[in-house]
């Protein structure tokens, strides 16, 4: 069963700040999708309702993908990719 919480309650439940949670929405380039991970109310100033379980699952999936990508890079002999990118930039 999903737990729906407004931003001020959902953010600490997920271990995030309210601002960071809001920046994870799809309209700001993040992975969380309206209607799946969060729901906006009928009025402009209505509280956003977050499906905490769905958000947690999305963040977990992204974390697992990142770890698998890191393992693949390491297996290919690329170990310091982040350092190489910062040297270029």
C-alpha atoms as a PDB file:
ATOM      1  CA  UNK A   1       0.000   0.000   0.000  1.00  0.00           C
ATOM      2  CA  UNK A   2       1.388   3.384  -0.978  1.00  0.00           C
ATOM      3  CA  UNK A   3       1.986   6.194   1.461  1.00  0.00           C
ATOM      4  CA  UNK A   4       1.158   9.675   0.175  1.00  0.00           C
ATOM      5  CA  UNK A   5       2.716  12.588   2.011  1.00  0.00           C
ATOM      6  CA  UNK A   6       3.033  16.282   1.348  1.00  0.00           C
ATOM      7  CA  UNK A   7       6.508  17.602   0.554  1.00  0.00           C
ATOM      8  CA  UNK A   8       7.390  18.667   4.105  1.00  0.00           C
ATOM      9  CA  UNK A   9       6.759  15.116   5.341  1.00  0.00           C
ATOM     10  CA  UNK A  10       7.951  13.127   2.306  1.00  0.00           C
ATOM     11  CA  UNK A  11      11.378  14.779   2.004  1.00  0.00           C
ATOM     12  CA  UNK A  12      12.703  13.703   5.424  1.00  0.00           C
ATOM     13  CA  UNK A  13      11.142  10.265   4.950  1.00  0.00           C
ATOM     14  CA  UNK A  14      13.292   9.918   1.814  1.00  0.00           C
ATOM     15  CA  UNK A  15      16.356  11.519   3.410  1.00  0.00           C
ATOM     16  CA  UNK A  16      16.225  14.564   1.118  1.00  0.00           C
ATOM     17  CA  UNK A  17      15.645  18.277   1.481  1.00  0.00           C
ATOM     18  CA  UNK A  18      12.332  19.622   0.213  1.00  0.00           C
ATOM     19  CA  UNK A  19      14.121  21.568  -2.527  1.00  0.00           C
ATOM     20  CA  UNK A  20      16.074  18.543  -3.711  1.00  0.00           C
ATOM     21  CA  UNK A  21      12.931  16.403  -3.811  1.00  0.00           C
ATOM     22  CA  UNK A  22      11.139  19.012  -5.939  1.00  0.00           C
ATOM     23  CA  UNK A  23      14.151  19.206  -8.288  1.00  0.00           C
ATOM     24  CA  UNK A  24      13.764  15.467  -8.964  1.00  0.00           C
ATOM     25  CA  UNK A  25      10.483  15.979 -10.864  1.00  0.00           C
ATOM     26  CA  UNK A  26      10.398  15.289 -14.599  1.00  0.00           C
ATOM     27  CA  UNK A  27       9.647  18.919 -15.457  1.00  0.00           C
ATOM     28  CA  UNK A  28      12.967  19.851 -13.847  1.00  0.00           C
ATOM     29  CA  UNK A  29      14.897  17.031 -15.548  1.00  0.00           C
ATOM     30  CA  UNK A  30      14.582  14.497 -12.754  1.00  0.00           C
ATOM     31  CA  UNK A  31      13.357  10.901 -12.774  1.00  0.00           C
ATOM     32  CA  UNK A  32      10.103  11.346 -10.835  1.00  0.00           C
ATOM     33  CA  UNK A  33       6.974  11.403 -12.979  1.00  0.00           C
ATOM     34  CA  UNK A  34       3.748  13.241 -12.284  1.00  0.00           C
ATOM     35  CA  UNK A  35       0.873  10.817 -11.802  1.00  0.00           C
ATOM     36  CA  UNK A  36       3.223   8.022 -10.803  1.00  0.00           C
ATOM     37  CA  UNK A  37       5.565   9.394  -8.139  1.00  0.00           C
ATOM     38  CA  UNK A  38       3.743  12.583  -7.205  1.00  0.00           C
ATOM     39  CA  UNK A  39       0.358  14.218  -7.650  1.00  0.00           C
ATOM     40  CA  UNK A  40      -0.449  17.895  -7.780  1.00  0.00           C
ATOM     41  CA  UNK A  41      -3.684  19.232  -6.361  1.00  0.00           C
ATOM     42  CA  UNK A  42      -6.394  21.096  -8.221  1.00  0.00           C
ATOM     43  CA  UNK A  43      -5.216  24.581  -7.227  1.00  0.00           C
ATOM     44  CA  UNK A  44      -1.878  26.228  -7.964  1.00  0.00           C
ATOM     45  CA  UNK A  45      -1.054  26.439  -4.258  1.00  0.00           C
ATOM     46  CA  UNK A  46      -2.223  22.886  -3.388  1.00  0.00           C
ATOM     47  CA  UNK A  47       0.331  20.683  -1.681  1.00  0.00           C
ATOM     48  CA  UNK A  48       2.147  18.146  -3.821  1.00  0.00           C
ATOM     49  CA  UNK A  49       1.346  14.618  -2.643  1.00  0.00           C
ATOM     50  CA  UNK A  50       4.294  12.231  -2.967  1.00  0.00           C
ATOM     51  CA  UNK A  51       4.040   8.456  -3.253  1.00  0.00           C
ATOM     52  CA  UNK A  52       6.971   7.800  -0.935  1.00  0.00           C
ATOM     53  CA  UNK A  53       7.238   4.101  -1.778  1.00  0.00           C
ATOM     54  CA  UNK A  54       7.299   4.772  -5.542  1.00  0.00           C
ATOM     55  CA  UNK A  55       9.888   7.551  -5.095  1.00  0.00           C
ATOM     56  CA  UNK A  56      12.077   5.283  -2.980  1.00  0.00           C
ATOM     57  CA  UNK A  57      11.820   2.510  -5.599  1.00  0.00           C
ATOM     58  CA  UNK A  58      12.774   4.950  -8.395  1.00  0.00           C
ATOM     59  CA  UNK A  59      15.819   6.205  -6.480  1.00  0.00           C
ATOM     60  CA  UNK A  60      16.822   2.618  -5.684  1.00  0.00           C
ATOM     61  CA  UNK A  61      16.554   1.622  -9.367  1.00  0.00           C
ATOM     62  CA  UNK A  62      18.701   4.585 -10.410  1.00  0.00           C
ATOM     63  CA  UNK A  63      21.273   3.746  -7.753  1.00  0.00           C
ATOM     64  CA  UNK A  64      21.460   0.153  -8.957  1.00  0.00           C
ATOM     65  CA  UNK A  65      21.912   1.314 -12.566  1.00  0.00           C
ATOM     66  CA  UNK A  66      24.718   3.632 -11.480  1.00  0.00           C
ATOM     67  CA  UNK A  67      26.498   0.845  -9.599  1.00  0.00           C
ATOM     68  CA  UNK A  68      26.194  -1.512 -12.592  1.00  0.00           C
ATOM     69  CA  UNK A  69      27.563   1.196 -14.902  1.00  0.00           C
ATOM     70  CA  UNK A  70      30.486   1.798 -12.535  1.00  0.00           C
ATOM     71  CA  UNK A  71      31.220  -1.950 -12.473  1.00  0.00           C
ATOM     72  CA  UNK A  72      31.126  -2.138 -16.284  1.00  0.00           C
ATOM     73  CA  UNK A  73      33.486   0.821 -16.583  1.00  0.00           C
ATOM     74  CA  UNK A  74      35.844  -0.737 -14.058  1.00  0.00           C
ATOM     75  CA  UNK A  75      35.750  -4.067 -15.923  1.00  0.00           C
ATOM     76  CA  UNK A  76      36.670  -2.172 -19.103  1.00  0.00           C
ATOM     77  CA  UNK A  77      39.658  -0.635 -17.327  1.00  0.00           C
ATOM     78  CA  UNK A  78      38.155   2.821 -16.907  1.00  0.00           C
ATOM     79  CA  UNK A  79      38.564   3.643 -13.243  1.00  0.00           C
ATOM     80  CA  UNK A  80      38.873   7.398 -12.824  1.00  0.00           C
ATOM     81  CA  UNK A  81      36.166   8.655 -15.161  1.00  0.00           C
ATOM     82  CA  UNK A  82      34.973  11.399 -12.809  1.00  0.00           C
ATOM     83  CA  UNK A  83      38.519  12.665 -12.353  1.00  0.00           C
ATOM     84  CA  UNK A  84      39.142  12.605 -16.103  1.00  0.00           C
ATOM     85  CA  UNK A  85      35.990  14.619 -16.764  1.00  0.00           C
ATOM     86  CA  UNK A  86      36.905  17.257 -14.170  1.00  0.00           C
ATOM     87  CA  UNK A  87      40.378  17.610 -15.716  1.00  0.00           C
ATOM     88  CA  UNK A  88      38.821  18.346 -19.100  1.00  0.00           C
ATOM     89  CA  UNK A  89      36.239  20.759 -17.836  1.00  0.00           C
END
